[in-house]
Amino acid sequence: LAVDDGSRDATPAVLAAMRRDWPQLRVIRLRRNSGHQNALTAGLHR
């Protein structure tokens, strides 16, 4: 579970490309930067 913590660079595009040939990869994108611990929380809940 890659939790994108509101990245402002090309991170979302890189993750989308990685998902195409890595079926075990899940991408969770947060609407805004919420901090490292809250990103961990989002991943643990899911």
All heavy atoms as atom14 arrays in JSON, in Angstrom:
{
  "sequence": "LAVDDGSRDATPAVLAAMRRDWPQLRVIRLRRNSGHQNALTAGLHR",
  "atom14_mask": [
    [1, 1, 1, 1, 1, 1, 1, 1, 0, 0, 0, 0, 0, 0],
    [1, 1, 1, 1, 1, 0, 0, 0, 0, 0, 0, 0, 0, 0],
    [1, 1, 1, 1, 1, 1, 1, 0, 0, 0, 0, 0, 0, 0],
    [1, 1, 1, 1, 1, 1, 1, 1, 0, 0, 0, 0, 0, 0],
    [1, 1, 1, 1, 1, 1, 1, 1, 0, 0, 0, 0, 0, 0],
    [1, 1, 1, 1, 0, 0, 0, 0, 0, 0, 0, 0, 0, 0],
    [1, 1, 1, 1, 1, 1, 0, 0, 0, 0, 0, 0, 0, 0],
    [1, 1, 1, 1, 1, 1, 1, 1, 1, 1, 1, 0, 0, 0],
    [1, 1, 1, 1, 1, 1, 1, 1, 0, 0, 0, 0, 0, 0],
    [1, 1, 1, 1, 1, 0, 0, 0, 0, 0, 0, 0, 0, 0],
    [1, 1, 1, 1, 1, 1, 1, 0, 0, 0, 0, 0, 0, 0],
    [1, 1, 1, 1, 1, 1, 1, 0, 0, 0, 0, 0, 0, 0],
    [1, 1, 1, 1, 1, 0, 0, 0, 0, 0, 0, 0, 0, 0],
    [1, 1, 1, 1, 1, 1, 1, 0, 0, 0, 0, 0, 0, 0],
    [1, 1, 1, 1, 1, 1, 1, 1, 0, 0, 0, 0, 0, 0],
    [1, 1, 1, 1, 1, 0, 0, 0, 0, 0, 0, 0, 0, 0],
    [1, 1, 1, 1, 1, 0, 0, 0, 0, 0, 0, 0, 0, 0],
    [1, 1, 1, 1, 1, 1, 1, 1, 0, 0, 0, 0, 0, 0],
    [1, 1, 1, 1, 1, 1, 1, 1, 1, 1, 1, 0, 0, 0],
    [1, 1, 1, 1, 1, 1, 1, 1, 1, 1, 1, 0, 0, 0],
    [1, 1, 1, 1, 1, 1, 1, 1, 0, 0, 0, 0, 0, 0],
    [1, 1, 1, 1, 1, 1, 1, 1, 1, 1, 1, 1, 1, 1],
    [1, 1, 1, 1, 1, 1, 1, 0, 0, 0, 0, 0, 0, 0],
    [1, 1, 1, 1, 1, 1, 1, 1, 1, 0, 0, 0, 0, 0],
    [1, 1, 1, 1, 1, 1, 1, 1, 0, 0, 0, 0, 0, 0],
    [1, 1, 1, 1, 1, 1, 1, 1, 1, 1, 1, 0, 0, 0],
    [1, 1, 1, 1, 1, 1, 1, 0, 0, 0, 0, 0, 0, 0],
    [1, 1, 1, 1, 1, 1, 1, 1, 0, 0, 0, 0, 0, 0],
    [1, 1, 1, 1, 1, 1, 1, 1, 1, 1, 1, 0, 0, 0],
    [1, 1, 1, 1, 1, 1, 1, 1, 0, 0, 0, 0, 0, 0],
    [1, 1, 1, 1, 1, 1, 1, 1, 1, 1, 1, 0, 0, 0],
    [1, 1, 1, 1, 1, 1, 1, 1, 1, 1, 1, 0, 0, 0],
    [1, 1, 1, 1, 1, 1, 1, 1, 0, 0, 0, 0, 0, 0],
    [1, 1, 1, 1, 1, 1, 0, 0, 0, 0, 0, 0, 0, 0],
    [1, 1, 1, 1, 0, 0, 0, 0, 0, 0, 0, 0, 0, 0],
    [1, 1, 1, 1, 1, 1, 1, 1, 1, 1, 0, 0, 0, 0],
    [1, 1, 1, 1, 1, 1, 1, 1, 1, 0, 0, 0, 0, 0],
    [1, 1, 1, 1, 1, 1, 1, 1, 0, 0, 0, 0, 0, 0],
    [1, 1, 1, 1, 1, 0, 0, 0, 0, 0, 0, 0, 0, 0],
    [1, 1, 1, 1, 1, 1, 1, 1, 0, 0, 0, 0, 0, 0],
    [1, 1, 1, 1, 1, 1, 1, 0, 0, 0, 0, 0, 0, 0],
    [1, 1, 1, 1, 1, 0, 0, 0, 0, 0, 0, 0, 0, 0],
    [1, 1, 1, 1, 0, 0, 0, 0, 0, 0, 0, 0, 0, 0],
    [1, 1, 1, 1, 1, 1, 1, 1, 0, 0, 0, 0, 0, 0],
    [1, 1, 1, 1, 1, 1, 1, 1, 1, 1, 0, 0, 0, 0],
    [1, 1, 1, 1, 1, 1, 1, 1, 1, 1, 1, 0, 0, 0]
  ],
  "atom14_positions": [
    [[0.85, -1.19, 0.0], [0.0, 0.0, 0.0], [0.88, 1.23, 0.0], [1.49, 1.58, 1.02], [-0.92, 0.02, 1.22], [-2.05, -0.99, 1.27], [-1.56, -2.36, 1.73], [-3.15, -0.52, 2.21], [0.0, 0.0, 0.0], [0.0, 0.0, 0.0], [0.0, 0.0, 0.0], [0.0, 0.0, 0.0], [0.0, 0.0, 0.0], [0.0, 0.0, 0.0]],
    [[0.99, 1.89, -1.14], [1.74, 3.13, -1.25], [0.78, 4.29, -0.96], [-0.16, 4.54, -1.72], [2.35, 3.28, -2.64], [0.0, 0.0, 0.0], [0.0, 0.0, 0.0], [0.0, 0.0, 0.0], [0.0, 0.0, 0.0], [0.0, 0.0, 0.0], [0.0, 0.0, 0.0], [0.0, 0.0, 0.0], [0.0, 0.0, 0.0], [0.0, 0.0, 0.0]],
    [[1.0, 4.98, 0.14], [0.13, 6.08, 0.55], [0.77, 7.38, 0.09], [1.75, 7.85, 0.68], [-0.1, 6.09, 2.07], [-1.09, 7.18, 2.44], [-0.59, 4.73, 2.55], [0.0, 0.0, 0.0], [0.0, 0.0, 0.0], [0.0, 0.0, 0.0], [0.0, 0.0, 0.0], [0.0, 0.0, 0.0], [0.0, 0.0, 0.0], [0.0, 0.0, 0.0]],
    [[0.24, 7.97, -0.98], [0.75, 9.22, -1.52], [0.21, 10.37, -0.67], [-0.97, 10.71, -0.73], [0.31, 9.37, -2.98], [0.8, 10.68, -3.6], [1.6, 11.38, -2.95], [0.37, 10.99, -4.72], [0.0, 0.0, 0.0], [0.0, 0.0, 0.0], [0.0, 0.0, 0.0], [0.0, 0.0, 0.0], [0.0, 0.0, 0.0], [0.0, 0.0, 0.0]],
    [[1.1, 10.97, 0.12], [0.7, 11.98, 1.1], [0.65, 13.37, 0.46], [1.33, 14.29, 0.87], [1.69, 11.96, 2.27], [1.24, 12.83, 3.44], [0.04, 13.18, 3.5], [2.09, 13.17, 4.28], [0.0, 0.0, 0.0], [0.0, 0.0, 0.0], [0.0, 0.0, 0.0], [0.0, 0.0, 0.0], [0.0, 0.0, 0.0], [0.0, 0.0, 0.0]],
    [[-0.18, 13.51, -0.58], [-0.37, 14.8, -1.22], [0.85, 15.28, -1.97], [1.18, 16.48, -1.93], [0.0, 0.0, 0.0], [0.0, 0.0, 0.0], [0.0, 0.0, 0.0], [0.0, 0.0, 0.0], [0.0, 0.0, 0.0], [0.0, 0.0, 0.0], [0.0, 0.0, 0.0], [0.0, 0.0, 0.0], [0.0, 0.0, 0.0], [0.0, 0.0, 0.0]],
    [[1.53, 14.39, -2.68], [2.75, 14.77, -3.41], [2.45, 15.82, -4.48], [1.39, 15.8, -5.11], [3.38, 13.54, -4.07], [3.81, 12.61, -3.09], [0.0, 0.0, 0.0], [0.0, 0.0, 0.0], [0.0, 0.0, 0.0], [0.0, 0.0, 0.0], [0.0, 0.0, 0.0], [0.0, 0.0, 0.0], [0.0, 0.0, 0.0], [0.0, 0.0, 0.0]],
    [[3.43, 16.7, -4.69], [3.27, 17.78, -5.68], [4.21, 17.61, -6.88], [4.28, 18.49, -7.73], [3.5, 19.13, -5.0], [2.47, 19.46, -3.93], [2.7, 20.84, -3.36], [3.88, 20.88, -2.52], [3.89, 20.62, -1.21], [2.76, 20.27, -0.61], [5.0, 20.7, -0.51], [0.0, 0.0, 0.0], [0.0, 0.0, 0.0], [0.0, 0.0, 0.0]],
    [[4.94, 16.5, -6.92], [5.8, 16.25, -8.07], [5.18, 15.15, -8.92], [3.95, 15.0, -8.95], [7.22, 15.89, -7.6], [7.24, 14.61, -6.76], [6.15, 14.04, -6.5], [8.33, 14.19, -6.35], [0.0, 0.0, 0.0], [0.0, 0.0, 0.0], [0.0, 0.0, 0.0], [0.0, 0.0, 0.0], [0.0, 0.0, 0.0], [0.0, 0.0, 0.0]],
    [[6.0, 14.37, -9.61], [5.49, 13.33, -10.51], [5.22, 12.01, -9.79], [5.01, 10.99, -10.45], [6.47, 13.11, -11.65], [0.0, 0.0, 0.0], [0.0, 0.0, 0.0], [0.0, 0.0, 0.0], [0.0, 0.0, 0.0], [0.0, 0.0, 0.0], [0.0, 0.0, 0.0], [0.0, 0.0, 0.0], [0.0, 0.0, 0.0], [0.0, 0.0, 0.0]],
    [[5.2, 12.01, -8.46], [4.98, 10.77, -7.71], [3.69, 10.06, -8.11], [3.7, 8.83, -8.32], [4.98, 11.06, -6.2], [6.3, 11.45, -5.81], [4.57, 9.85, -5.4], [0.0, 0.0, 0.0], [0.0, 0.0, 0.0], [0.0, 0.0, 0.0], [0.0, 0.0, 0.0], [0.0, 0.0, 0.0], [0.0, 0.0, 0.0], [0.0, 0.0, 0.0]],
    [[2.53, 10.74, -8.25], [1.31, 10.02, -8.65], [1.46, 9.33, -10.01], [0.99, 8.19, -10.18], [0.25, 11.13, -8.72], [0.76, 12.18, -7.78], [2.24, 12.15, -7.93], [0.0, 0.0, 0.0], [0.0, 0.0, 0.0], [0.0, 0.0, 0.0], [0.0, 0.0, 0.0], [0.0, 0.0, 0.0], [0.0, 0.0, 0.0], [0.0, 0.0, 0.0]],
    [[2.11, 9.97, -10.97], [2.31, 9.35, -12.28], [3.22, 8.14, -12.19], [3.0, 7.11, -12.84], [2.87, 10.37, -13.27], [0.0, 0.0, 0.0], [0.0, 0.0, 0.0], [0.0, 0.0, 0.0], [0.0, 0.0, 0.0], [0.0, 0.0, 0.0], [0.0, 0.0, 0.0], [0.0, 0.0, 0.0], [0.0, 0.0, 0.0], [0.0, 0.0, 0.0]],
    [[4.28, 8.23, -11.38], [5.2, 7.1, -11.21], [4.48, 5.93, -10.58], [4.63, 4.77, -11.0], [6.41, 7.53, -10.37], [7.29, 6.32, -10.06], [7.22, 8.6, -11.08], [0.0, 0.0, 0.0], [0.0, 0.0, 0.0], [0.0, 0.0, 0.0], [0.0, 0.0, 0.0], [0.0, 0.0, 0.0], [0.0, 0.0, 0.0], [0.0, 0.0, 0.0]],
    [[3.66, 6.19, -9.56], [2.91, 5.12, -8.92], [1.91, 4.48, -9.88], [1.74, 3.24, -9.89], [2.16, 5.66, -7.69], [3.04, 6.0, -6.47], [2.2, 6.7, -5.4], [3.69, 4.75, -5.89], [0.0, 0.0, 0.0], [0.0, 0.0, 0.0], [0.0, 0.0, 0.0], [0.0, 0.0, 0.0], [0.0, 0.0, 0.0], [0.0, 0.0, 0.0]],
    [[1.26, 5.3, -10.71], [0.31, 4.75, -11.68], [1.02, 3.85, -12.68], [0.51, 2.78, -13.06], [-0.4, 5.9, -12.41], [0.0, 0.0, 0.0], [0.0, 0.0, 0.0], [0.0, 0.0, 0.0], [0.0, 0.0, 0.0], [0.0, 0.0, 0.0], [0.0, 0.0, 0.0], [0.0, 0.0, 0.0], [0.0, 0.0, 0.0], [0.0, 0.0, 0.0]],
    [[2.22, 4.24, -13.1], [2.98, 3.4, -14.03], [3.42, 2.11, -13.36], [3.41, 1.03, -13.98], [4.2, 4.17, -14.54], [0.0, 0.0, 0.0], [0.0, 0.0, 0.0], [0.0, 0.0, 0.0], [0.0, 0.0, 0.0], [0.0, 0.0, 0.0], [0.0, 0.0, 0.0], [0.0, 0.0, 0.0], [0.0, 0.0, 0.0], [0.0, 0.0, 0.0]],
    [[3.79, 2.16, -12.1], [4.22, 0.97, -11.38], [3.07, -0.02, -11.2], [3.27, -1.23, -11.25], [4.79, 1.36, -10.01], [6.13, 2.08, -10.07], [6.62, 2.83, -8.5], [6.58, 1.41, -7.4], [0.0, 0.0, 0.0], [0.0, 0.0, 0.0], [0.0, 0.0, 0.0], [0.0, 0.0, 0.0], [0.0, 0.0, 0.0], [0.0, 0.0, 0.0]],
    [[1.87, 0.5, -11.04], [0.71, -0.37, -10.83], [0.4, -1.23, -12.05], [-0.15, -2.33, -11.92], [-0.53, 0.47, -10.5], [-0.67, 0.87, -9.04], [-2.1, 1.27, -8.73], [-2.98, 0.11, -8.77], [-4.15, 0.05, -9.41], [-4.55, 1.09, -10.12], [-4.88, -1.03, -9.37], [0.0, 0.0, 0.0], [0.0, 0.0, 0.0], [0.0, 0.0, 0.0]],
    [[0.74, -0.75, -13.22], [0.38, -1.45, -14.44], [1.06, -2.82, -14.55], [0.5, -3.74, -15.16], [0.71, -0.59, -15.67], [-0.28, 0.55, -15.87], [-0.15, 1.15, -17.26], [1.04, 1.98, -17.37], [1.06, 3.29, -17.13], [-0.06, 3.9, -16.74], [2.18, 3.98, -17.26], [0.0, 0.0, 0.0], [0.0, 0.0, 0.0], [0.0, 0.0, 0.0]],
    [[2.26, -2.95, -13.99], [2.93, -4.25, -14.06], [3.26, -4.83, -12.68], [4.09, -5.72, -12.56], [4.21, -4.15, -14.89], [5.21, -3.17, -14.31], [4.88, -2.52, -13.31], [6.34, -3.1, -14.84], [0.0, 0.0, 0.0], [0.0, 0.0, 0.0], [0.0, 0.0, 0.0], [0.0, 0.0, 0.0], [0.0, 0.0, 0.0], [0.0, 0.0, 0.0]],
    [[2.61, -4.3, -11.67], [2.79, -4.84, -10.32], [1.41, -4.97, -9.68], [0.93, -4.09, -9.0], [3.68, -3.92, -9.48], [4.16, -4.53, -8.2], [3.94, -5.79, -7.76], [4.96, -3.89, -7.2], [4.54, -5.99, -6.55], [5.18, -4.85, -6.19], [5.52, -2.62, -7.07], [5.93, -4.54, -5.04], [6.26, -2.32, -5.94], [6.46, -3.27, -4.94]],
    [[0.73, -6.09, -9.89], [-0.66, -6.24, -9.45], [-0.83, -6.16, -7.93], [-1.93, -5.86, -7.44], [-1.06, -7.62, -9.98], [0.23, -8.34, -10.22], [1.22, -7.29, -10.6], [0.0, 0.0, 0.0], [0.0, 0.0, 0.0], [0.0, 0.0, 0.0], [0.0, 0.0, 0.0], [0.0, 0.0, 0.0], [0.0, 0.0, 0.0], [0.0, 0.0, 0.0]],
    [[0.22, -6.45, -7.17], [0.1, -6.41, -5.71], [0.19, -4.99, -5.15], [0.0, -4.79, -3.94], [1.21, -7.26, -5.06], [1.06, -8.75, -5.29], [1.75, -9.2, -6.57], [2.22, -8.37, -7.35], [1.84, -10.5, -6.78], [0.0, 0.0, 0.0], [0.0, 0.0, 0.0], [0.0, 0.0, 0.0], [0.0, 0.0, 0.0], [0.0, 0.0, 0.0]],
    [[0.47, -4.03, -6.01], [0.61, -2.65, -5.55], [-0.75, -1.96, -5.5], [-1.5, -1.97, -6.48], [1.55, -1.87, -6.47], [1.73, -0.37, -6.14], [2.36, -0.19, -4.78], [2.53, 0.32, -7.23], [0.0, 0.0, 0.0], [0.0, 0.0, 0.0], [0.0, 0.0, 0.0], [0.0, 0.0, 0.0], [0.0, 0.0, 0.0], [0.0, 0.0, 0.0]],
    [[-1.07, -1.39, -4.35], [-2.26, -0.55, -4.2], [-1.8, 0.88, -3.94], [-0.81, 1.1, -3.23], [-3.13, -1.02, -3.04], [-3.8, -2.36, -3.24], [-4.5, -2.81, -1.98], [-5.42, -1.8, -1.48], [-5.99, -1.87, -0.26], [-5.71, -2.86, 0.55], [-6.83, -0.92, 0.12], [0.0, 0.0, 0.0], [0.0, 0.0, 0.0], [0.0, 0.0, 0.0]],
    [[-2.51, 1.84, -4.49], [-2.16, 3.24, -4.32], [-3.29, 3.95, -3.59], [-4.45, 3.88, -4.01], [-1.89, 3.93, -5.68], [-1.58, 5.41, -5.46], [-0.74, 3.25, -6.39], [0.0, 0.0, 0.0], [0.0, 0.0, 0.0], [0.0, 0.0, 0.0], [0.0, 0.0, 0.0], [0.0, 0.0, 0.0], [0.0, 0.0, 0.0], [0.0, 0.0, 0.0]],
    [[-2.95, 4.59, -2.5], [-3.9, 5.42, -1.75], [-3.4, 6.85, -1.81], [-2.25, 7.12, -1.42], [-4.01, 4.95, -0.28], [-4.48, 3.5, -0.23], [-4.94, 5.85, 0.51], [-4.37, 2.88, 1.14], [0.0, 0.0, 0.0], [0.0, 0.0, 0.0], [0.0, 0.0, 0.0], [0.0, 0.0, 0.0], [0.0, 0.0, 0.0], [0.0, 0.0, 0.0]],
    [[-4.2, 7.73, -2.35], [-3.76, 9.11, -2.54], [-4.54, 10.03, -1.59], [-5.77, 10.06, -1.62], [-3.97, 9.54, -3.99], [-3.33, 10.88, -4.33], [-3.47, 11.15, -5.82], [-2.93, 10.03, -6.6], [-3.48, 9.58, -7.71], [-4.59, 10.12, -8.17], [-2.92, 8.58, -8.36], [0.0, 0.0, 0.0], [0.0, 0.0, 0.0], [0.0, 0.0, 0.0]],
    [[-3.83, 10.76, -0.76], [-4.45, 11.72, 0.14], [-4.59, 13.06, -0.57], [-3.73, 13.47, -1.34], [-3.62, 11.89, 1.42], [-3.29, 10.6, 2.17], [-2.64, 10.94, 3.52], [-4.52, 9.74, 2.39], [0.0, 0.0, 0.0], [0.0, 0.0, 0.0], [0.0, 0.0, 0.0], [0.0, 0.0, 0.0], [0.0, 0.0, 0.0], [0.0, 0.0, 0.0]],
    [[-5.69, 13.73, -0.31], [-5.99, 14.97, -1.02], [-4.99, 16.07, -0.7], [-4.69, 16.93, -1.54], [-7.41, 15.43, -0.69], [-7.87, 16.64, -1.49], [-9.34, 16.91, -1.3], [-10.16, 15.82, -1.84], [-10.5, 15.7, -3.11], [-10.06, 16.58, -3.99], [-11.26, 14.72, -3.51], [0.0, 0.0, 0.0], [0.0, 0.0, 0.0], [0.0, 0.0, 0.0]],
    [[-4.45, 16.08, 0.51], [-3.48, 17.09, 0.9], [-2.4, 16.43, 1.73], [-2.56, 15.31, 2.2], [-4.15, 18.21, 1.72], [-4.86, 17.7, 2.96], [-5.49, 18.81, 3.76], [-6.25, 18.3, 4.89], [-5.71, 17.95, 6.04], [-4.41, 18.06, 6.23], [-6.47, 17.5, 7.03], [0.0, 0.0, 0.0], [0.0, 0.0, 0.0], [0.0, 0.0, 0.0]],
    [[-1.31, 17.14, 1.92], [-0.23, 16.63, 2.75], [-0.68, 16.62, 4.2], [-0.93, 17.66, 4.79], [1.02, 17.49, 2.58], [2.18, 16.98, 3.41], [2.66, 17.68, 4.29], [2.65, 15.78, 3.14], [0.0, 0.0, 0.0], [0.0, 0.0, 0.0], [0.0, 0.0, 0.0], [0.0, 0.0, 0.0], [0.0, 0.0, 0.0], [0.0, 0.0, 0.0]],
    [[-0.79, 15.42, 4.78], [-1.3, 15.27, 6.14], [-0.24, 14.86, 7.14], [-0.53, 14.75, 8.32], [-2.44, 14.24, 6.15], [-3.48, 14.61, 5.27], [0.0, 0.0, 0.0], [0.0, 0.0, 0.0], [0.0, 0.0, 0.0], [0.0, 0.0, 0.0], [0.0, 0.0, 0.0], [0.0, 0.0, 0.0], [0.0, 0.0, 0.0], [0.0, 0.0, 0.0]],
    [[0.96, 14.6, 6.68], [2.02, 14.21, 7.6], [2.28, 12.71, 7.57], [1.41, 11.9, 7.25], [0.0, 0.0, 0.0], [0.0, 0.0, 0.0], [0.0, 0.0, 0.0], [0.0, 0.0, 0.0], [0.0, 0.0, 0.0], [0.0, 0.0, 0.0], [0.0, 0.0, 0.0], [0.0, 0.0, 0.0], [0.0, 0.0, 0.0], [0.0, 0.0, 0.0]],
    [[3.5, 12.35, 7.94], [3.95, 10.97, 7.87], [3.11, 10.03, 8.73], [2.7, 8.96, 8.28], [5.42, 10.91, 8.31], [6.03, 9.56, 8.23], [6.04, 8.68, 9.3], [6.67, 8.92, 7.22], [6.64, 7.55, 8.94], [7.03, 7.68, 7.69], [0.0, 0.0, 0.0], [0.0, 0.0, 0.0], [0.0, 0.0, 0.0], [0.0, 0.0, 0.0]],
    [[2.81, 10.44, 9.97], [2.06, 9.57, 10.87], [0.63, 9.37, 10.39], [0.07, 8.26, 10.49], [2.07, 10.14, 12.29], [3.45, 10.25, 12.89], [4.13, 8.91, 13.07], [3.69, 8.06, 13.82], [5.23, 8.71, 12.35], [0.0, 0.0, 0.0], [0.0, 0.0, 0.0], [0.0, 0.0, 0.0], [0.0, 0.0, 0.0], [0.0, 0.0, 0.0]],
    [[0.01, 10.4, 9.85], [-1.35, 10.26, 9.33], [-1.37, 9.42, 8.05], [-2.35, 8.72, 7.78], [-1.97, 11.63, 9.08], [-2.33, 12.34, 10.36], [-2.69, 11.71, 11.35], [-2.21, 13.65, 10.37], [0.0, 0.0, 0.0], [0.0, 0.0, 0.0], [0.0, 0.0, 0.0], [0.0, 0.0, 0.0], [0.0, 0.0, 0.0], [0.0, 0.0, 0.0]],
    [[-0.31, 9.51, 7.24], [-0.22, 8.64, 6.08], [-0.12, 7.18, 6.51], [-0.73, 6.29, 5.9], [0.98, 9.04, 5.22], [0.0, 0.0, 0.0], [0.0, 0.0, 0.0], [0.0, 0.0, 0.0], [0.0, 0.0, 0.0], [0.0, 0.0, 0.0], [0.0, 0.0, 0.0], [0.0, 0.0, 0.0], [0.0, 0.0, 0.0], [0.0, 0.0, 0.0]],
    [[0.64, 6.93, 7.57], [0.69, 5.58, 8.13], [-0.69, 5.14, 8.6], [-1.1, 3.98, 8.4], [1.66, 5.54, 9.31], [3.14, 5.29, 9.0], [3.94, 5.35, 10.3], [3.34, 3.97, 8.31], [0.0, 0.0, 0.0], [0.0, 0.0, 0.0], [0.0, 0.0, 0.0], [0.0, 0.0, 0.0], [0.0, 0.0, 0.0], [0.0, 0.0, 0.0]],
    [[-1.43, 6.04, 9.22], [-2.78, 5.72, 9.69], [-3.67, 5.31, 8.53], [-4.41, 4.32, 8.61], [-3.4, 6.93, 10.41], [-2.58, 7.3, 11.51], [-4.79, 6.61, 10.92], [0.0, 0.0, 0.0], [0.0, 0.0, 0.0], [0.0, 0.0, 0.0], [0.0, 0.0, 0.0], [0.0, 0.0, 0.0], [0.0, 0.0, 0.0], [0.0, 0.0, 0.0]],
    [[-3.61, 6.06, 7.43], [-4.41, 5.72, 6.26], [-4.07, 4.33, 5.75], [-4.96, 3.55, 5.37], [-4.19, 6.76, 5.15], [0.0, 0.0, 0.0], [0.0, 0.0, 0.0], [0.0, 0.0, 0.0], [0.0, 0.0, 0.0], [0.0, 0.0, 0.0], [0.0, 0.0, 0.0], [0.0, 0.0, 0.0], [0.0, 0.0, 0.0], [0.0, 0.0, 0.0]],
    [[-2.79, 3.98, 5.74], [-2.4, 2.66, 5.28], [-2.81, 1.56, 6.23], [-3.29, 0.5, 5.8], [0.0, 0.0, 0.0], [0.0, 0.0, 0.0], [0.0, 0.0, 0.0], [0.0, 0.0, 0.0], [0.0, 0.0, 0.0], [0.0, 0.0, 0.0], [0.0, 0.0, 0.0], [0.0, 0.0, 0.0], [0.0, 0.0, 0.0], [0.0, 0.0, 0.0]],
    [[-2.66, 1.78, 7.54], [-3.04, 0.77, 8.52], [-4.53, 0.48, 8.47], [-4.97, -0.67, 8.63], [-2.62, 1.21, 9.92], [-1.13, 1.24, 10.21], [-0.87, 1.81, 11.61], [-0.53, -0.16, 10.1], [0.0, 0.0, 0.0], [0.0, 0.0, 0.0], [0.0, 0.0, 0.0], [0.0, 0.0, 0.0], [0.0, 0.0, 0.0], [0.0, 0.0, 0.0]],
    [[-5.34, 1.51, 8.28], [-6.79, 1.32, 8.22], [-7.2, 0.49, 7.01], [-8.26, -0.15, 7.02], [-7.5, 2.68, 8.18], [-7.75, 3.27, 9.52], [-8.72, 2.81, 10.39], [-7.14, 4.3, 10.17], [-8.71, 3.53, 11.5], [-7.76, 4.44, 11.39], [0.0, 0.0, 0.0], [0.0, 0.0, 0.0], [0.0, 0.0, 0.0], [0.0, 0.0, 0.0]],
    [[-6.41, 0.52, 5.96], [-6.79, -0.15, 4.72], [-5.99, -1.43, 4.44], [-6.28, -2.13, 3.48], [-6.63, 0.82, 3.55], [-7.74, 1.85, 3.55], [-7.39, 3.1, 2.76], [-8.56, 3.98, 2.73], [-8.95, 4.73, 3.75], [-8.26, 4.74, 4.87], [-10.03, 5.49, 3.66], [0.0, 0.0, 0.0], [0.0, 0.0, 0.0], [0.0, 0.0, 0.0]]
  ]
}
